Amino acid sequence: MLENYEVVYTHPGGAVATFTRQGGELDALAKGLDAEQFWVFKNVKSLLARNEEGDLERATSQMGAIGFSARVREIILPVAAAAAPVRA
């Protein structure tokens, strides 16, 4: 399971649901969802908050069942600046 990622679910009708997991925290944003889509969004949010193996795949399956397609990207955190040499 990815630790830091963003997944954007889009629907042909214009609805968008975005989930961003970074540093152990999950942010979720929904725009233009109808009542059924919002209910699934809330269930998917609860699922992704757990961050257990297979949760992202189950979430994508649930969103796909109501017509959403997914775009997932891993968020790569920058290497610590302490690794760079310090000039006097």
PDB file of N, CA and C in Angstrom:
ATOM      1  N   MET A   1       0.851  -1.185   0.000  1.00  0.00           N
ATOM      2  CA  MET A   1       0.000   0.000   0.000  1.00  0.00           C
ATOM      3  C   MET A   1       0.887   1.236   0.000  1.00  0.00           C
ATOM      4  N   LEU A   2       0.535   2.173  -0.822  1.00  0.00           N
ATOM      5  CA  LEU A   2       1.264   3.439  -0.851  1.00  0.00           C
ATOM      6  C   LEU A   2       1.051   4.183   0.467  1.00  0.00           C
ATOM      7  N   GLU A   3       2.077   4.850   0.944  1.00  0.00           N
ATOM      8  CA  GLU A   3       1.967   5.640   2.165  1.00  0.00           C
ATOM      9  C   GLU A   3       1.551   7.076   1.872  1.00  0.00           C
ATOM     10  N   ASN A   4       2.069   7.634   0.791  1.00  0.00           N
ATOM     11  CA  ASN A   4       1.774   9.015   0.403  1.00  0.00           C
ATOM     12  C   ASN A   4       1.285   9.008  -1.039  1.00  0.00           C
ATOM     13  N   TYR A   5       0.027   9.403  -1.227  1.00  0.00           N
ATOM     14  CA  TYR A   5      -0.532   9.370  -2.580  1.00  0.00           C
ATOM     15  C   TYR A   5      -1.676  10.354  -2.710  1.00  0.00           C
ATOM     16  N   GLU A   6      -2.040  10.610  -3.957  1.00  0.00           N
ATOM     17  CA  GLU A   6      -3.247  11.360  -4.280  1.00  0.00           C
ATOM     18  C   GLU A   6      -4.024  10.532  -5.290  1.00  0.00           C
ATOM     19  N   VAL A   7      -5.304  10.358  -5.046  1.00  0.00           N
ATOM     20  CA  VAL A   7      -6.155   9.675  -6.015  1.00  0.00           C
ATOM     21  C   VAL A   7      -7.319  10.611  -6.332  1.00  0.00           C
ATOM     22  N   VAL A   8      -7.532  10.813  -7.633  1.00  0.00           N
ATOM     23  CA  VAL A   8      -8.617  11.676  -8.108  1.00  0.00           C
ATOM     24  C   VAL A   8      -9.585  10.795  -8.884  1.00  0.00           C
ATOM     25  N   TYR A   9     -10.825  10.771  -8.405  1.00  0.00           N
ATOM     26  CA  TYR A   9     -11.885  10.029  -9.081  1.00  0.00           C
ATOM     27  C   TYR A   9     -12.740  11.028  -9.842  1.00  0.00           C
ATOM     28  N   THR A  10     -12.939  10.784 -11.130  1.00  0.00           N
ATOM     29  CA  THR A  10     -13.759  11.682 -11.952  1.00  0.00           C
ATOM     30  C   THR A  10     -14.918  10.915 -12.564  1.00  0.00           C
ATOM     31  N   HIS A  11     -16.032  11.601 -12.689  1.00  0.00           N
ATOM     32  CA  HIS A  11     -17.246  11.008 -13.250  1.00  0.00           C
ATOM     33  C   HIS A  11     -17.588  11.755 -14.545  1.00  0.00           C
ATOM     34  N   PRO A  12     -18.098  11.051 -15.548  1.00  0.00           N
ATOM     35  CA  PRO A  12     -18.461  11.718 -16.806  1.00  0.00           C
ATOM     36  C   PRO A  12     -19.465  12.859 -16.615  1.00  0.00           C
ATOM     37  N   GLY A  13     -20.246  12.812 -15.544  1.00  0.00           N
ATOM     38  CA  GLY A  13     -21.223  13.867 -15.268  1.00  0.00           C
ATOM     39  C   GLY A  13     -20.608  15.109 -14.646  1.00  0.00           C
ATOM     40  N   GLY A  14     -19.295  15.084 -14.373  1.00  0.00           N
ATOM     41  CA  GLY A  14     -18.606  16.256 -13.851  1.00  0.00           C
ATOM     42  C   GLY A  14     -18.227  16.190 -12.378  1.00  0.00           C
ATOM     43  N   ALA A  15     -18.711  15.208 -11.646  1.00  0.00           N
ATOM     44  CA  ALA A  15     -18.368  15.089 -10.232  1.00  0.00           C
ATOM     45  C   ALA A  15     -16.908  14.669 -10.073  1.00  0.00           C
ATOM     46  N   VAL A  16     -16.279  15.158  -9.006  1.00  0.00           N
ATOM     47  CA  VAL A  16     -14.873  14.849  -8.723  1.00  0.00           C
ATOM     48  C   VAL A  16     -14.719  14.579  -7.231  1.00  0.00           C
ATOM     49  N   ALA A  17     -13.970  13.538  -6.910  1.00  0.00           N
ATOM     50  CA  ALA A  17     -13.626  13.231  -5.522  1.00  0.00           C
ATOM     51  C   ALA A  17     -12.109  13.050  -5.452  1.00  0.00           C
ATOM     52  N   THR A  18     -11.476  13.778  -4.540  1.00  0.00           N
ATOM     53  CA  THR A  18     -10.024  13.733  -4.413  1.00  0.00           C
ATOM     54  C   THR A  18      -9.651  13.311  -2.997  1.00  0.00           C
ATOM     55  N   PHE A  19      -8.738  12.350  -2.906  1.00  0.00           N
ATOM     56  CA  PHE A  19      -8.225  11.888  -1.620  1.00  0.00           C
ATOM     57  C   PHE A  19      -6.705  12.038  -1.652  1.00  0.00           C
ATOM     58  N   THR A  20      -6.158  12.706  -0.645  1.00  0.00           N
ATOM     59  CA  THR A  20      -4.716  12.892  -0.553  1.00  0.00           C
ATOM     60  C   THR A  20      -4.250  12.354   0.787  1.00  0.00           C
ATOM     61  N   ARG A  21      -3.333  11.393   0.746  1.00  0.00           N
ATOM     62  CA  ARG A  21      -2.760  10.820   1.966  1.00  0.00           C
ATOM     63  C   ARG A  21      -1.295  11.199   2.009  1.00  0.00           C
ATOM     64  N   GLN A  22      -0.915  11.881   3.096  1.00  0.00           N
ATOM     65  CA  GLN A  22       0.473  12.309   3.234  1.00  0.00           C
ATOM     66  C   GLN A  22       0.784  12.432   4.720  1.00  0.00           C
ATOM     67  N   GLY A  23       1.926  11.892   5.126  1.00  0.00           N
ATOM     68  CA  GLY A  23       2.342  11.979   6.517  1.00  0.00           C
ATOM     69  C   GLY A  23       1.368  11.323   7.476  1.00  0.00           C
ATOM     70  N   GLY A  24       0.697  10.267   7.040  1.00  0.00           N
ATOM     71  CA  GLY A  24      -0.235   9.546   7.895  1.00  0.00           C
ATOM     72  C   GLY A  24      -1.612  10.176   8.021  1.00  0.00           C
ATOM     73  N   GLU A  25      -1.873  11.256   7.294  1.00  0.00           N
ATOM     74  CA  GLU A  25      -3.165  11.927   7.358  1.00  0.00           C
ATOM     75  C   GLU A  25      -3.857  11.889   6.007  1.00  0.00           C
ATOM     76  N   LEU A  26      -5.184  11.815   6.040  1.00  0.00           N
ATOM     77  CA  LEU A  26      -5.978  11.760   4.816  1.00  0.00           C
ATOM     78  C   LEU A  26      -6.831  13.019   4.706  1.00  0.00           C
ATOM     79  N   ASP A  27      -6.742  13.687   3.571  1.00  0.00           N
ATOM     80  CA  ASP A  27      -7.610  14.806   3.238  1.00  0.00           C
ATOM     81  C   ASP A  27      -8.528  14.357   2.117  1.00  0.00           C
ATOM     82  N   ALA A  28      -9.777  14.777   2.174  1.00  0.00           N
ATOM     83  CA  ALA A  28     -10.743  14.389   1.154  1.00  0.00           C
ATOM     84  C   ALA A  28     -11.540  15.608   0.719  1.00  0.00           C
ATOM     85  N   LEU A  29     -11.824  15.679  -0.580  1.00  0.00           N
ATOM     86  CA  LEU A  29     -12.580  16.785  -1.146  1.00  0.00           C
ATOM     87  C   LEU A  29     -13.531  16.231  -2.199  1.00  0.00           C
ATOM     88  N   ALA A  30     -14.779  16.662  -2.139  1.00  0.00           N
ATOM     89  CA  ALA A  30     -15.781  16.209  -3.111  1.00  0.00           C
ATOM     90  C   ALA A  30     -16.447  17.426  -3.739  1.00  0.00           C
ATOM     91  N   LYS A  31     -16.670  17.363  -5.049  1.00  0.00           N
ATOM     92  CA  LYS A  31     -17.349  18.449  -5.762  1.00  0.00           C
ATOM     93  C   LYS A  31     -18.368  17.852  -6.719  1.00  0.00           C
ATOM     94  N   GLY A  32     -19.573  18.346  -6.657  1.00  0.00           N
ATOM     95  CA  GLY A  32     -20.600  17.995  -7.625  1.00  0.00           C
ATOM     96  C   GLY A  32     -21.194  16.607  -7.490  1.00  0.00           C
ATOM     97  N   LEU A  33     -21.080  15.976  -6.324  1.00  0.00           N
ATOM     98  CA  LEU A  33     -21.610  14.629  -6.136  1.00  0.00           C
ATOM     99  C   LEU A  33     -23.106  14.675  -5.836  1.00  0.00           C
ATOM    100  N   ASP A  34     -23.837  13.697  -6.363  1.00  0.00           N
ATOM    101  CA  ASP A  34     -25.243  13.565  -5.981  1.00  0.00           C
ATOM    102  C   ASP A  34     -25.304  12.754  -4.683  1.00  0.00           C
ATOM    103  N   ALA A  35     -26.487  12.484  -4.163  1.00  0.00           N
ATOM    104  CA  ALA A  35     -26.642  11.825  -2.860  1.00  0.00           C
ATOM    105  C   ALA A  35     -26.014  10.435  -2.841  1.00  0.00           C
ATOM    106  N   GLU A  36     -26.238   9.630  -3.873  1.00  0.00           N
ATOM    107  CA  GLU A  36     -25.672   8.278  -3.911  1.00  0.00           C
ATOM    108  C   GLU A  36     -24.145   8.344  -3.986  1.00  0.00           C
ATOM    109  N   GLN A  37     -23.628   9.206  -4.841  1.00  0.00           N
ATOM    110  CA  GLN A  37     -22.180   9.342  -4.985  1.00  0.00           C
ATOM    111  C   GLN A  37     -21.549   9.821  -3.676  1.00  0.00           C
ATOM    112  N   PHE A  38     -22.227  10.734  -2.970  1.00  0.00           N
ATOM    113  CA  PHE A  38     -21.689  11.237  -1.713  1.00  0.00           C
ATOM    114  C   PHE A  38     -21.653  10.135  -0.662  1.00  0.00           C
ATOM    115  N   TRP A  39     -22.662   9.282  -0.645  1.00  0.00           N
ATOM    116  CA  TRP A  39     -22.690   8.151   0.296  1.00  0.00           C
ATOM    117  C   TRP A  39     -21.495   7.239   0.050  1.00  0.00           C
ATOM    118  N   VAL A  40     -21.220   6.917  -1.209  1.00  0.00           N
ATOM    119  CA  VAL A  40     -20.062   6.081  -1.548  1.00  0.00           C
ATOM    120  C   VAL A  40     -18.768   6.813  -1.197  1.00  0.00           C
ATOM    121  N   PHE A  41     -18.706   8.114  -1.469  1.00  0.00           N
ATOM    122  CA  PHE A  41     -17.537   8.925  -1.115  1.00  0.00           C
ATOM    123  C   PHE A  41     -17.227   8.795   0.374  1.00  0.00           C
ATOM    124  N   LYS A  42     -18.232   8.907   1.235  1.00  0.00           N
ATOM    125  CA  LYS A  42     -18.026   8.800   2.678  1.00  0.00           C
ATOM    126  C   LYS A  42     -17.521   7.406   3.062  1.00  0.00           C
ATOM    127  N   ASN A  43     -18.052   6.370   2.424  1.00  0.00           N
ATOM    128  CA  ASN A  43     -17.574   5.005   2.694  1.00  0.00           C
ATOM    129  C   ASN A  43     -16.131   4.831   2.252  1.00  0.00           C
ATOM    130  N   VAL A  44     -15.790   5.374   1.082  1.00  0.00           N
ATOM    131  CA  VAL A  44     -14.422   5.286   0.563  1.00  0.00           C
ATOM    132  C   VAL A  44     -13.469   6.062   1.474  1.00  0.00           C
ATOM    133  N   LYS A  45     -13.910   7.205   1.961  1.00  0.00           N
ATOM    134  CA  LYS A  45     -13.079   7.988   2.883  1.00  0.00           C
ATOM    135  C   LYS A  45     -12.752   7.176   4.136  1.00  0.00           C
ATOM    136  N   SER A  46     -13.732   6.502   4.700  1.00  0.00           N
ATOM    137  CA  SER A  46     -13.507   5.661   5.880  1.00  0.00           C
ATOM    138  C   SER A  46     -12.542   4.525   5.565  1.00  0.00           C
ATOM    139  N   LEU A  47     -12.676   3.960   4.389  1.00  0.00           N
ATOM    140  CA  LEU A  47     -11.807   2.871   3.966  1.00  0.00           C
ATOM    141  C   LEU A  47     -10.365   3.342   3.809  1.00  0.00           C
ATOM    142  N   LEU A  48     -10.170   4.468   3.141  1.00  0.00           N
ATOM    143  CA  LEU A  48      -8.811   4.967   2.908  1.00  0.00           C
ATOM    144  C   LEU A  48      -8.155   5.508   4.180  1.00  0.00           C
ATOM    145  N   ALA A  49      -8.934   5.913   5.152  1.00  0.00           N
ATOM    146  CA  ALA A  49      -8.371   6.386   6.419  1.00  0.00           C
ATOM    147  C   ALA A  49      -7.642   5.257   7.146  1.00  0.00           C
ATOM    148  N   ARG A  50      -8.055   4.013   6.908  1.00  0.00           N
ATOM    149  CA  ARG A  50      -7.398   2.858   7.545  1.00  0.00           C
ATOM    150  C   ARG A  50      -6.004   2.632   6.979  1.00  0.00           C
ATOM    151  N   ASN A  51      -5.870   2.777   5.672  1.00  0.00           N
ATOM    152  CA  ASN A  51      -4.607   2.574   4.948  1.00  0.00           C
ATOM    153  C   ASN A  51      -4.041   1.175   5.124  1.00  0.00           C
ATOM    154  N   GLU A  52      -4.900   0.182   5.005  1.00  0.00           N
ATOM    155  CA  GLU A  52      -4.464  -1.210   5.066  1.00  0.00           C
ATOM    156  C   GLU A  52      -4.294  -1.766   3.652  1.00  0.00           C
ATOM    157  N   GLU A  53      -3.582  -2.872   3.553  1.00  0.00           N
ATOM    158  CA  GLU A  53      -3.325  -3.513   2.268  1.00  0.00           C
ATOM    159  C   GLU A  53      -4.636  -3.769   1.521  1.00  0.00           C
ATOM    160  N   GLY A  54      -4.715  -3.329   0.286  1.00  0.00           N
ATOM    161  CA  GLY A  54      -5.875  -3.555  -0.556  1.00  0.00           C
ATOM    162  C   GLY A  54      -6.967  -2.496  -0.446  1.00  0.00           C
ATOM    163  N   ASP A  55      -6.839  -1.562   0.501  1.00  0.00           N
ATOM    164  CA  ASP A  55      -7.887  -0.543   0.673  1.00  0.00           C
ATOM    165  C   ASP A  55      -8.028   0.366  -0.550  1.00  0.00           C
ATOM    166  N   LEU A  56      -6.919   0.770  -1.147  1.00  0.00           N
ATOM    167  CA  LEU A  56      -6.988   1.639  -2.320  1.00  0.00           C
ATOM    168  C   LEU A  56      -7.666   0.916  -3.485  1.00  0.00           C
ATOM    169  N   GLU A  57      -7.366  -0.357  -3.648  1.00  0.00           N
ATOM    170  CA  GLU A  57      -7.997  -1.133  -4.716  1.00  0.00           C
ATOM    171  C   GLU A  57      -9.490  -1.286  -4.465  1.00  0.00           C
ATOM    172  N   ARG A  58      -9.894  -1.547  -3.208  1.00  0.00           N
ATOM    173  CA  ARG A  58     -11.322  -1.664  -2.877  1.00  0.00           C
ATOM    174  C   ARG A  58     -12.035  -0.326  -3.079  1.00  0.00           C
ATOM    175  N   ALA A  59     -11.378   0.762  -2.699  1.00  0.00           N
ATOM    176  CA  ALA A  59     -11.967   2.090  -2.883  1.00  0.00           C
ATOM    177  C   ALA A  59     -12.192   2.377  -4.368  1.00  0.00           C
ATOM    178  N   THR A  60     -11.200   2.058  -5.178  1.00  0.00           N
ATOM    179  CA  THR A  60     -11.314   2.284  -6.618  1.00  0.00           C
ATOM    180  C   THR A  60     -12.413   1.424  -7.217  1.00  0.00           C
ATOM    181  N   SER A  61     -12.571   0.219  -6.715  1.00  0.00           N
ATOM    182  CA  SER A  61     -13.640  -0.664  -7.179  1.00  0.00           C
ATOM    183  C   SER A  61     -15.018  -0.090  -6.824  1.00  0.00           C
ATOM    184  N   GLN A  62     -15.160   0.412  -5.594  1.00  0.00           N
ATOM    185  CA  GLN A  62     -16.442   0.996  -5.177  1.00  0.00           C
ATOM    186  C   GLN A  62     -16.780   2.230  -6.001  1.00  0.00           C
ATOM    187  N   MET A  63     -15.793   3.091  -6.221  1.00  0.00           N
ATOM    188  CA  MET A  63     -16.044   4.289  -7.023  1.00  0.00           C
ATOM    189  C   MET A  63     -16.318   3.915  -8.481  1.00  0.00           C
ATOM    190  N   GLY A  64     -15.609   2.914  -8.981  1.00  0.00           N
ATOM    191  CA  GLY A  64     -15.819   2.443 -10.351  1.00  0.00           C
ATOM    192  C   GLY A  64     -17.216   1.888 -10.561  1.00  0.00           C
ATOM    193  N   ALA A  65     -17.780   1.273  -9.525  1.00  0.00           N
ATOM    194  CA  ALA A  65     -19.119   0.691  -9.622  1.00  0.00           C
ATOM    195  C   ALA A  65     -20.194   1.753  -9.858  1.00  0.00           C
ATOM    196  N   ILE A  66     -19.899   3.008  -9.510  1.00  0.00           N
ATOM    197  CA  ILE A  66     -20.875   4.082  -9.754  1.00  0.00           C
ATOM    198  C   ILE A  66     -20.409   5.032 -10.862  1.00  0.00           C
ATOM    199  N   GLY A  67     -19.459   4.553 -11.677  1.00  0.00           N
ATOM    200  CA  GLY A  67     -19.093   5.266 -12.896  1.00  0.00           C
ATOM    201  C   GLY A  67     -17.880   6.174 -12.837  1.00  0.00           C
ATOM    202  N   PHE A  68     -17.118   6.147 -11.753  1.00  0.00           N
ATOM    203  CA  PHE A  68     -15.937   7.002 -11.632  1.00  0.00           C
ATOM    204  C   PHE A  68     -14.698   6.291 -12.160  1.00  0.00           C
ATOM    205  N   SER A  69     -13.811   7.048 -12.766  1.00  0.00           N
ATOM    206  CA  SER A  69     -12.503   6.517 -13.147  1.00  0.00           C
ATOM    207  C   SER A  69     -11.470   7.140 -12.216  1.00  0.00           C
ATOM    208  N   ALA A  70     -10.356   6.427 -12.015  1.00  0.00           N
ATOM    209  CA  ALA A  70      -9.351   6.862 -11.039  1.00  0.00           C
ATOM    210  C   ALA A  70      -8.039   7.233 -11.705  1.00  0.00           C
ATOM    211  N   ARG A  71      -7.387   8.217 -11.101  1.00  0.00           N
ATOM    212  CA  ARG A  71      -6.010   8.562 -11.461  1.00  0.00           C
ATOM    213  C   ARG A  71      -5.241   8.644 -10.147  1.00  0.00           C
ATOM    214  N   VAL A  72      -4.262   7.753  -9.991  1.00  0.00           N
ATOM    215  CA  VAL A  72      -3.488   7.673  -8.751  1.00  0.00           C
ATOM    216  C   VAL A  72      -2.063   8.118  -9.024  1.00  0.00           C
ATOM    217  N   ARG A  73      -1.516   8.913  -8.111  1.00  0.00           N
ATOM    218  CA  ARG A  73      -0.101   9.272  -8.216  1.00  0.00           C
ATOM    219  C   ARG A  73       0.517   9.193  -6.833  1.00  0.00           C
ATOM    220  N   GLU A  74       1.716   8.660  -6.780  1.00  0.00           N
ATOM    221  CA  GLU A  74       2.445   8.581  -5.525  1.00  0.00           C
ATOM    222  C   GLU A  74       3.102   9.927  -5.249  1.00  0.00           C
ATOM    223  N   ILE A  75       3.039  10.360  -4.011  1.00  0.00           N
ATOM    224  CA  ILE A  75       3.694  11.594  -3.596  1.00  0.00           C
ATOM    225  C   ILE A  75       5.053  11.208  -3.025  1.00  0.00           C
ATOM    226  N   ILE A  76       6.104  11.706  -3.655  1.00  0.00           N
ATOM    227  CA  ILE A  76       7.470  11.425  -3.215  1.00  0.00           C
ATOM    228  C   ILE A  76       7.942  12.603  -2.375  1.00  0.00           C
ATOM    229  N   LEU A  77       8.293  12.317  -1.133  1.00  0.00           N
ATOM    230  CA  LEU A  77       8.766  13.371  -0.245  1.00  0.00           C
ATOM    231  C   LEU A  77      10.218  13.690  -0.571  1.00  0.00           C
ATOM    232  N   PRO A  78      10.613  14.959  -0.488  1.00  0.00           N
ATOM    233  CA  PRO A  78      11.995  15.336  -0.811  1.00  0.00           C
ATOM    234  C   PRO A  78      12.983  14.746   0.193  1.00  0.00           C
ATOM    235  N   VAL A  79      14.196  14.506  -0.292  1.00  0.00           N
ATOM    236  CA  VAL A  79      15.271  14.007   0.562  1.00  0.00           C
ATOM    237  C   VAL A  79      15.642  15.124   1.533  1.00  0.00           C
ATOM    238  N   ALA A  80      15.962  14.752   2.750  1.00  0.00           N
ATOM    239  CA  ALA A  80      16.291  15.746   3.772  1.00  0.00           C
ATOM    240  C   ALA A  80      17.443  16.623   3.346  1.00  0.00           C
ATOM    241  N   ALA A  81      17.345  17.905   3.617  1.00  0.00           N
ATOM    242  CA  ALA A  81      18.395  18.863   3.248  1.00  0.00           C
ATOM    243  C   ALA A  81      19.680  18.600   4.032  1.00  0.00           C
ATOM    244  N   ALA A  82      19.605  17.894   5.141  1.00  0.00           N
ATOM    245  CA  ALA A  82      20.773  17.601   5.956  1.00  0.00           C
ATOM    246  C   ALA A  82      21.797  16.744   5.206  1.00  0.00           C
ATOM    247  N   ALA A  83      21.372  16.068   4.174  1.00  0.00           N
ATOM    248  CA  ALA A  83      22.277  15.229   3.399  1.00  0.00           C
ATOM    249  C   ALA A  83      23.219  16.054   2.537  1.00  0.00           C
ATOM    250  N   ALA A  84      22.847  17.309   2.281  1.00  0.00           N
ATOM    251  CA  ALA A  84      23.687  18.176   1.447  1.00  0.00           C
ATOM    252  C   ALA A  84      24.858  18.719   2.281  1.00  0.00           C
ATOM    253  N   PRO A  85      26.043  18.869   1.663  1.00  0.00           N
ATOM    254  CA  PRO A  85      27.192  19.410   2.405  1.00  0.00           C
ATOM    255  C   PRO A  85      26.946  20.870   2.789  1.00  0.00           C
ATOM    256  N   VAL A  86      27.467  21.244   3.947  1.00  0.00           N
ATOM    257  CA  VAL A  86      27.324  22.610   4.454  1.00  0.00           C
ATOM    258  C   VAL A  86      28.613  23.352   4.220  1.00  0.00           C
ATOM    259  N   ARG A  87      28.511  24.548   3.637  1.00  0.00           N
ATOM    260  CA  ARG A  87      29.706  25.376   3.406  1.00  0.00           C
ATOM    261  C   ARG A  87      29.915  26.330   4.561  1.00  0.00           C
ATOM    262  N   ALA A  88      31.164  26.555   4.894  1.00  0.00           N
ATOM    263  CA  ALA A  88      31.485  27.461   6.020  1.00  0.00           C
ATOM    264  C   ALA A  88      31.523  28.892   5.564  1.00  0.00           C
TER     265      ALA A  88
END
